[in-house]
Each structure stands twice: as structure tokens, then as C-alpha cells.
Amino acid sequence: MPEAVGVIQTLGFPPVLAAADAMVKGGRVTLVYFDLAERGEFLVAIRGPISEVKPAVEAGLAAAMTAFGGNVVSHYIVPNPPENVLAVLPVQHTAKSDRFRS
């Protein structure tokens, strides 16, 4: 089944927490990456079926914008990421995230 990667980057922690929560509740997706970017910016990445990632990211964006200090810096969706992208970016399913996959 083709998978996609969805990423949201926010300014501050409350919006990224709200986004992560809304994304995993908004679709059959798995949270695969979370980190502090720079200058107080945080990012969260999900993976799942293409048809599930888009509504999950939309739910995450809505939640991030309504959270305290909600400021979305960037977001994007990569449908069917090629193997060379998966090889260098930290968006693979890990042993920790694998148990939550459907």
C-alpha cells in the first residue's frame, strides 16, 4: 500500500503538541518523528496511507492554529516518498512506532 509522509512545523511547543494529538486521532497514521528544530520551532512527522495522511495533516493544522500561541511555520505532505528520501530523512517506522501501526 502506498504511504505518505506528513510534516508540520510550529513555533512553540503547545501548537506542535496539539497538532500531533489531532493528527494521530484524525487518521490511521503513525507518529514517526518529533524534534526541536531551531529558534523554538518544533516539528512532527507522521506516516500512513496517502488517503489518511491528508486529513490527518489538515486536522493537525487546525489544532495547531487554535492552540495557545498557535503559529504554524510550515507544513507539507510527500506522497510515495522515494527510497533515497527514506534512506536519509528520519521518517522511517522505528521499533517504538511499529507497534502502533495498524
C-alpha atoms as a PDB file:
ATOM      1  CA  MET A   1       0.000   0.000   0.000  1.00  0.00           C
ATOM      2  CA  PRO A   2       1.436   3.415  -0.941  1.00  0.00           C
ATOM      3  CA  GLU A   3       2.367   5.527   2.049  1.00  0.00           C
ATOM      4  CA  ALA A   4       2.839   9.246   2.520  1.00  0.00           C
ATOM      5  CA  VAL A   5       4.763  11.419   4.951  1.00  0.00           C
ATOM      6  CA  GLY A   6       3.149  14.472   6.531  1.00  0.00           C
ATOM      7  CA  VAL A   7       5.094  17.108   8.468  1.00  0.00           C
ATOM      8  CA  ILE A   8       4.019  20.141  10.497  1.00  0.00           C
ATOM      9  CA  GLN A   9       6.451  22.694  11.916  1.00  0.00           C
ATOM     10  CA  THR A  10       5.291  25.183  14.545  1.00  0.00           C
ATOM     11  CA  LEU A  11       6.669  27.990  16.637  1.00  0.00           C
ATOM     12  CA  GLY A  12       6.440  26.844  20.250  1.00  0.00           C
ATOM     13  CA  PHE A  13       5.544  23.595  21.957  1.00  0.00           C
ATOM     14  CA  PRO A  14       1.763  23.884  22.596  1.00  0.00           C
ATOM     15  CA  PRO A  15       0.870  24.095  18.883  1.00  0.00           C
ATOM     16  CA  VAL A  16       3.014  21.082  17.926  1.00  0.00           C
ATOM     17  CA  LEU A  17       1.562  19.038  20.777  1.00  0.00           C
ATOM     18  CA  ALA A  18      -1.955  19.915  19.636  1.00  0.00           C
ATOM     19  CA  ALA A  19      -1.015  19.086  16.036  1.00  0.00           C
ATOM     20  CA  ALA A  20       0.482  15.699  16.949  1.00  0.00           C
ATOM     21  CA  ASP A  21      -2.563  14.791  19.019  1.00  0.00           C
ATOM     22  CA  ALA A  22      -5.009  15.810  16.300  1.00  0.00           C
ATOM     23  CA  MET A  23      -3.047  14.026  13.569  1.00  0.00           C
ATOM     24  CA  VAL A  24      -2.962  10.623  15.257  1.00  0.00           C
ATOM     25  CA  LYS A  25      -6.650  10.979  16.144  1.00  0.00           C
ATOM     26  CA  GLY A  26      -7.591  12.327  12.695  1.00  0.00           C
ATOM     27  CA  GLY A  27      -6.420   9.399  10.602  1.00  0.00           C
ATOM     28  CA  ARG A  28      -4.926   5.937  10.569  1.00  0.00           C
ATOM     29  CA  VAL A  29      -1.372   7.284  10.810  1.00  0.00           C
ATOM     30  CA  THR A  30       1.716   6.677  12.925  1.00  0.00           C
ATOM     31  CA  LEU A  31       3.806   9.402  14.532  1.00  0.00           C
ATOM     32  CA  VAL A  32       7.370   8.634  13.366  1.00  0.00           C
ATOM     33  CA  TYR A  33       9.357  11.758  14.255  1.00  0.00           C
ATOM     34  CA  PHE A  34       9.271  14.647  16.699  1.00  0.00           C
ATOM     35  CA  ASP A  35      12.063  17.119  17.396  1.00  0.00           C
ATOM     36  CA  LEU A  36      13.051  20.659  18.258  1.00  0.00           C
ATOM     37  CA  ALA A  37      14.014  22.400  15.020  1.00  0.00           C
ATOM     38  CA  GLU A  38      15.609  25.754  15.867  1.00  0.00           C
ATOM     39  CA  ARG A  39      14.654  29.113  17.409  1.00  0.00           C
ATOM     40  CA  GLY A  40      11.879  27.496  19.424  1.00  0.00           C
ATOM     41  CA  GLU A  41      10.393  25.735  16.423  1.00  0.00           C
ATOM     42  CA  PHE A  42       9.185  22.150  16.722  1.00  0.00           C
ATOM     43  CA  LEU A  43       8.274  19.636  14.066  1.00  0.00           C
ATOM     44  CA  VAL A  44       6.311  16.430  13.984  1.00  0.00           C
ATOM     45  CA  ALA A  45       6.133  13.844  11.184  1.00  0.00           C
ATOM     46  CA  ILE A  46       3.575  11.122  10.511  1.00  0.00           C
ATOM     47  CA  ARG A  47       3.355   8.246   8.057  1.00  0.00           C
ATOM     48  CA  GLY A  48       0.424   6.280   6.795  1.00  0.00           C
ATOM     49  CA  PRO A  49      -1.710   5.566   3.755  1.00  0.00           C
ATOM     50  CA  ILE A  50      -1.940   8.511   1.391  1.00  0.00           C
ATOM     51  CA  SER A  51      -5.703   8.759   1.894  1.00  0.00           C
ATOM     52  CA  GLU A  52      -5.223   9.026   5.670  1.00  0.00           C
ATOM     53  CA  VAL A  53      -2.269  11.436   5.837  1.00  0.00           C
ATOM     54  CA  LYS A  54      -4.004  14.361   4.112  1.00  0.00           C
ATOM     55  CA  PRO A  55      -6.985  14.592   6.519  1.00  0.00           C
ATOM     56  CA  ALA A  56      -4.660  13.933   9.478  1.00  0.00           C
ATOM     57  CA  VAL A  57      -2.406  16.849   8.491  1.00  0.00           C
ATOM     58  CA  GLU A  58      -5.437  19.095   7.948  1.00  0.00           C
ATOM     59  CA  ALA A  59      -6.694  18.210  11.442  1.00  0.00           C
ATOM     60  CA  GLY A  60      -3.219  18.880  12.839  1.00  0.00           C
ATOM     61  CA  LEU A  61      -3.036  22.282  11.167  1.00  0.00           C
ATOM     62  CA  ALA A  62      -6.442  23.294  12.523  1.00  0.00           C
ATOM     63  CA  ALA A  63      -5.490  22.197  16.030  1.00  0.00           C
ATOM     64  CA  ALA A  64      -2.098  23.920  15.906  1.00  0.00           C
ATOM     65  CA  MET A  65      -3.623  27.223  14.828  1.00  0.00           C
ATOM     66  CA  THR A  66      -6.153  27.193  17.664  1.00  0.00           C
ATOM     67  CA  ALA A  67      -3.644  26.204  20.378  1.00  0.00           C
ATOM     68  CA  PHE A  68      -2.152  28.843  22.669  1.00  0.00           C
ATOM     69  CA  GLY A  69       0.353  30.824  20.587  1.00  0.00           C
ATOM     70  CA  GLY A  70      -0.656  28.795  17.550  1.00  0.00           C
ATOM     71  CA  ASN A  71       1.791  29.678  14.820  1.00  0.00           C
ATOM     72  CA  VAL A  72       2.360  27.174  12.006  1.00  0.00           C
ATOM     73  CA  VAL A  73       5.691  27.838  10.323  1.00  0.00           C
ATOM     74  CA  SER A  74       5.490  25.204   7.607  1.00  0.00           C
ATOM     75  CA  HIS A  75       3.768  22.001   6.587  1.00  0.00           C
ATOM     76  CA  TYR A  76       3.937  19.560   3.725  1.00  0.00           C
ATOM     77  CA  ILE A  77       2.875  16.128   2.537  1.00  0.00           C
ATOM     78  CA  VAL A  78       5.067  13.823   0.457  1.00  0.00           C
ATOM     79  CA  PRO A  79       3.030  11.066  -1.218  1.00  0.00           C
ATOM     80  CA  ASN A  80       5.006   7.933  -2.105  1.00  0.00           C
ATOM     81  CA  PRO A  81       8.429   9.175  -0.956  1.00  0.00           C
ATOM     82  CA  PRO A  82      11.217   7.545  -2.990  1.00  0.00           C
ATOM     83  CA  GLU A  83      13.683   5.178  -1.334  1.00  0.00           C
ATOM     84  CA  ASN A  84      16.549   7.697  -1.445  1.00  0.00           C
ATOM     85  CA  VAL A  85      14.445  10.162   0.573  1.00  0.00           C
ATOM     86  CA  LEU A  86      13.542   7.489   3.106  1.00  0.00           C
ATOM     87  CA  ALA A  87      17.196   6.478   3.373  1.00  0.00           C
ATOM     88  CA  VAL A  88      18.408   9.906   4.528  1.00  0.00           C
ATOM     89  CA  LEU A  89      15.472  11.502   6.348  1.00  0.00           C
ATOM     90  CA  PRO A  90      14.297  10.349   9.798  1.00  0.00           C
ATOM     91  CA  VAL A  91      10.801   9.325   8.696  1.00  0.00           C
ATOM     92  CA  GLN A  92      11.097   5.540   8.862  1.00  0.00           C
ATOM     93  CA  HIS A  93       8.936   3.433  11.116  1.00  0.00           C
ATOM     94  CA  THR A  94      11.024   2.555  14.174  1.00  0.00           C
ATOM     95  CA  ALA A  95      10.770  -0.272  16.678  1.00  0.00           C
ATOM     96  CA  LYS A  96       8.996   2.148  19.035  1.00  0.00           C
ATOM     97  CA  SER A  97       6.466   3.310  16.446  1.00  0.00           C
ATOM     98  CA  ASP A  98       5.999  -0.075  14.748  1.00  0.00           C
ATOM     99  CA  ARG A  99       3.774  -1.442  17.487  1.00  0.00           C
ATOM    100  CA  PHE A 100       1.202   1.320  16.834  1.00  0.00           C
ATOM    101  CA  ARG A 101       0.828   0.592  13.121  1.00  0.00           C
ATOM    102  CA  SER A 102      -2.456  -0.949  12.029  1.00  0.00           C
END
